[in-house]
Each structure stands twice: as C-alpha cells, then as structure tokens.
C-alpha cells in the first residue's frame, strides 16, 4: 500500500496541504494501481512529467525523497521541500 497524508499544518502551496482545519486525511492506494496508469520506477518520463505538472501548478513536492524509497520517510512530508525528512516514528 502507498499511504498519503494530507493535513492543515502544511503551508497552502504544499502538495499535502489540506484546507480542512479540523481534520487530516490518510489516503491508502494499492501499489499496483500506479502500474495500471504506466507509472513505474522504470518509467522516469511519466514521473518527471507528473512532478513537473505539480511544480507548474505551484505545489512542488520532494520527488527525490520518494525515489530513495525509504518507506517511513515518505508517509509524512517535511514542511518545506528542502527540509530533512520527518522522523515521525521517534
């Protein structure tokens, strides 16, 4: 499963920002569903295009963090794209 966390603590231009001040959302998506759309680790072209569209939309995110594939670090994104990974498990 791929887990995505969205929360109001993130700044408005953050890819994980949520405009609901009283809640946070955890979105679970099966890993295989990415492959159904042609999004695979080997298909850099699609991943690059998706990340570019996020950036063009004013919501860049840490693709390098995702590419390292340290699962614990990708569930909670840092507040800013260049910040250190969130060590939520400590």
C-alpha atoms as a PDB file:
ATOM      1  CA  UNK A   1       0.000   0.000   0.000  1.00  0.00           C
ATOM      2  CA  UNK A   2       1.025   3.548  -0.692  1.00  0.00           C
ATOM      3  CA  UNK A   3      -0.070   5.911   2.082  1.00  0.00           C
ATOM      4  CA  UNK A   4      -0.616   9.613   1.520  1.00  0.00           C
ATOM      5  CA  UNK A   5      -1.176  12.011   4.426  1.00  0.00           C
ATOM      6  CA  UNK A   6      -2.823  15.398   3.913  1.00  0.00           C
ATOM      7  CA  UNK A   7      -3.081  17.894   6.785  1.00  0.00           C
ATOM      8  CA  UNK A   8      -3.853  21.559   7.525  1.00  0.00           C
ATOM      9  CA  UNK A   9      -0.434  22.035   9.182  1.00  0.00           C
ATOM     10  CA  UNK A  10       1.190  22.215   5.746  1.00  0.00           C
ATOM     11  CA  UNK A  11       1.528  25.625   4.049  1.00  0.00           C
ATOM     12  CA  UNK A  12      -1.093  26.379   1.340  1.00  0.00           C
ATOM     13  CA  UNK A  13       1.292  25.765  -1.590  1.00  0.00           C
ATOM     14  CA  UNK A  14       2.402  22.374  -0.217  1.00  0.00           C
ATOM     15  CA  UNK A  15       1.333  19.269  -2.152  1.00  0.00           C
ATOM     16  CA  UNK A  16      -0.003  17.773   1.124  1.00  0.00           C
ATOM     17  CA  UNK A  17      -1.879  20.891   2.273  1.00  0.00           C
ATOM     18  CA  UNK A  18      -5.478  20.465   3.358  1.00  0.00           C
ATOM     19  CA  UNK A  19      -7.963  23.319   3.726  1.00  0.00           C
ATOM     20  CA  UNK A  20      -9.938  21.500   6.436  1.00  0.00           C
ATOM     21  CA  UNK A  21      -8.546  22.885   9.729  1.00  0.00           C
ATOM     22  CA  UNK A  22     -10.190  20.245  11.921  1.00  0.00           C
ATOM     23  CA  UNK A  23      -9.065  17.043  10.190  1.00  0.00           C
ATOM     24  CA  UNK A  24      -6.258  15.243   8.464  1.00  0.00           C
ATOM     25  CA  UNK A  25      -6.711  12.628   5.757  1.00  0.00           C
ATOM     26  CA  UNK A  26      -4.841   9.386   5.201  1.00  0.00           C
ATOM     27  CA  UNK A  27      -5.269   8.026   1.698  1.00  0.00           C
ATOM     28  CA  UNK A  28      -4.309   4.397   1.031  1.00  0.00           C
ATOM     29  CA  UNK A  29      -3.664   3.316  -2.533  1.00  0.00           C
ATOM     30  CA  UNK A  30      -2.522  -0.152  -3.662  1.00  0.00           C
ATOM     31  CA  UNK A  31       0.967  -0.041  -5.176  1.00  0.00           C
ATOM     32  CA  UNK A  32      -0.169  -1.978  -8.247  1.00  0.00           C
ATOM     33  CA  UNK A  33      -2.596   0.811  -9.208  1.00  0.00           C
ATOM     34  CA  UNK A  34       0.310   3.024 -10.307  1.00  0.00           C
ATOM     35  CA  UNK A  35       1.338   0.389 -12.848  1.00  0.00           C
ATOM     36  CA  UNK A  36      -2.182   0.403 -14.278  1.00  0.00           C
ATOM     37  CA  UNK A  37      -1.510   4.018 -15.282  1.00  0.00           C
ATOM     38  CA  UNK A  38       2.010   3.340 -16.569  1.00  0.00           C
ATOM     39  CA  UNK A  39       3.661   4.862 -13.504  1.00  0.00           C
ATOM     40  CA  UNK A  40       6.549   2.573 -12.603  1.00  0.00           C
ATOM     41  CA  UNK A  41      10.013   3.008 -11.121  1.00  0.00           C
ATOM     42  CA  UNK A  42      11.436   2.309 -14.545  1.00  0.00           C
ATOM     43  CA  UNK A  43       9.282   4.883 -16.359  1.00  0.00           C
ATOM     44  CA  UNK A  44      11.147   8.068 -15.448  1.00  0.00           C
ATOM     45  CA  UNK A  45       9.481  10.035 -18.260  1.00  0.00           C
ATOM     46  CA  UNK A  46       5.992   9.798 -16.748  1.00  0.00           C
ATOM     47  CA  UNK A  47       7.222  10.501 -13.215  1.00  0.00           C
ATOM     48  CA  UNK A  48       9.153  13.533 -14.452  1.00  0.00           C
ATOM     49  CA  UNK A  49       6.074  14.835 -16.292  1.00  0.00           C
ATOM     50  CA  UNK A  50       3.848  14.392 -13.228  1.00  0.00           C
ATOM     51  CA  UNK A  51       6.321  16.161 -10.973  1.00  0.00           C
ATOM     52  CA  UNK A  52       6.697  18.980 -13.494  1.00  0.00           C
ATOM     53  CA  UNK A  53       2.911  19.475 -13.552  1.00  0.00           C
ATOM     54  CA  UNK A  54       2.813  19.684  -9.752  1.00  0.00           C
ATOM     55  CA  UNK A  55       5.570  22.299  -9.869  1.00  0.00           C
ATOM     56  CA  UNK A  56       3.870  24.261 -12.652  1.00  0.00           C
ATOM     57  CA  UNK A  57       0.712  24.228 -10.518  1.00  0.00           C
ATOM     58  CA  UNK A  58       2.614  25.885  -7.671  1.00  0.00           C
ATOM     59  CA  UNK A  59       2.773  22.746  -5.496  1.00  0.00           C
ATOM     60  CA  UNK A  60       6.183  21.123  -5.985  1.00  0.00           C
ATOM     61  CA  UNK A  61       6.991  18.092  -3.879  1.00  0.00           C
ATOM     62  CA  UNK A  62      10.075  16.105  -2.908  1.00  0.00           C
ATOM     63  CA  UNK A  63      10.424  13.585  -5.701  1.00  0.00           C
ATOM     64  CA  UNK A  64      13.949  12.798  -4.518  1.00  0.00           C
ATOM     65  CA  UNK A  65      12.529  11.795  -1.146  1.00  0.00           C
ATOM     66  CA  UNK A  66      10.140   9.383  -2.858  1.00  0.00           C
ATOM     67  CA  UNK A  67      12.824   7.982  -5.156  1.00  0.00           C
ATOM     68  CA  UNK A  68      15.009   6.971  -2.193  1.00  0.00           C
ATOM     69  CA  UNK A  69      12.194   4.527  -1.262  1.00  0.00           C
ATOM     70  CA  UNK A  70      12.716   4.702   2.491  1.00  0.00           C
ATOM     71  CA  UNK A  71       9.097   3.917   3.249  1.00  0.00           C
ATOM     72  CA  UNK A  72       8.908   5.503   6.704  1.00  0.00           C
ATOM     73  CA  UNK A  73      10.155   8.832   5.330  1.00  0.00           C
ATOM     74  CA  UNK A  74       7.554   9.204   2.573  1.00  0.00           C
ATOM     75  CA  UNK A  75       4.383   8.974   4.667  1.00  0.00           C
ATOM     76  CA  UNK A  76       4.798  12.397   6.252  1.00  0.00           C
ATOM     77  CA  UNK A  77       6.415  15.010   4.022  1.00  0.00           C
ATOM     78  CA  UNK A  78       8.571  17.785   5.521  1.00  0.00           C
ATOM     79  CA  UNK A  79       7.020  21.255   5.760  1.00  0.00           C
ATOM     80  CA  UNK A  80       9.277  22.583   3.014  1.00  0.00           C
ATOM     81  CA  UNK A  81      10.733  20.736   0.040  1.00  0.00           C
ATOM     82  CA  UNK A  82      14.361  21.122   1.185  1.00  0.00           C
ATOM     83  CA  UNK A  83      13.760  20.210   4.849  1.00  0.00           C
ATOM     84  CA  UNK A  84      15.015  16.963   6.349  1.00  0.00           C
ATOM     85  CA  UNK A  85      12.599  14.005   6.345  1.00  0.00           C
ATOM     86  CA  UNK A  86      10.067  13.922   9.193  1.00  0.00           C
ATOM     87  CA  UNK A  87      11.085  11.287  11.716  1.00  0.00           C
ATOM     88  CA  UNK A  88       7.533  10.671  12.935  1.00  0.00           C
ATOM     89  CA  UNK A  89       8.352   7.240  14.378  1.00  0.00           C
ATOM     90  CA  UNK A  90      10.686   8.597  17.071  1.00  0.00           C
END
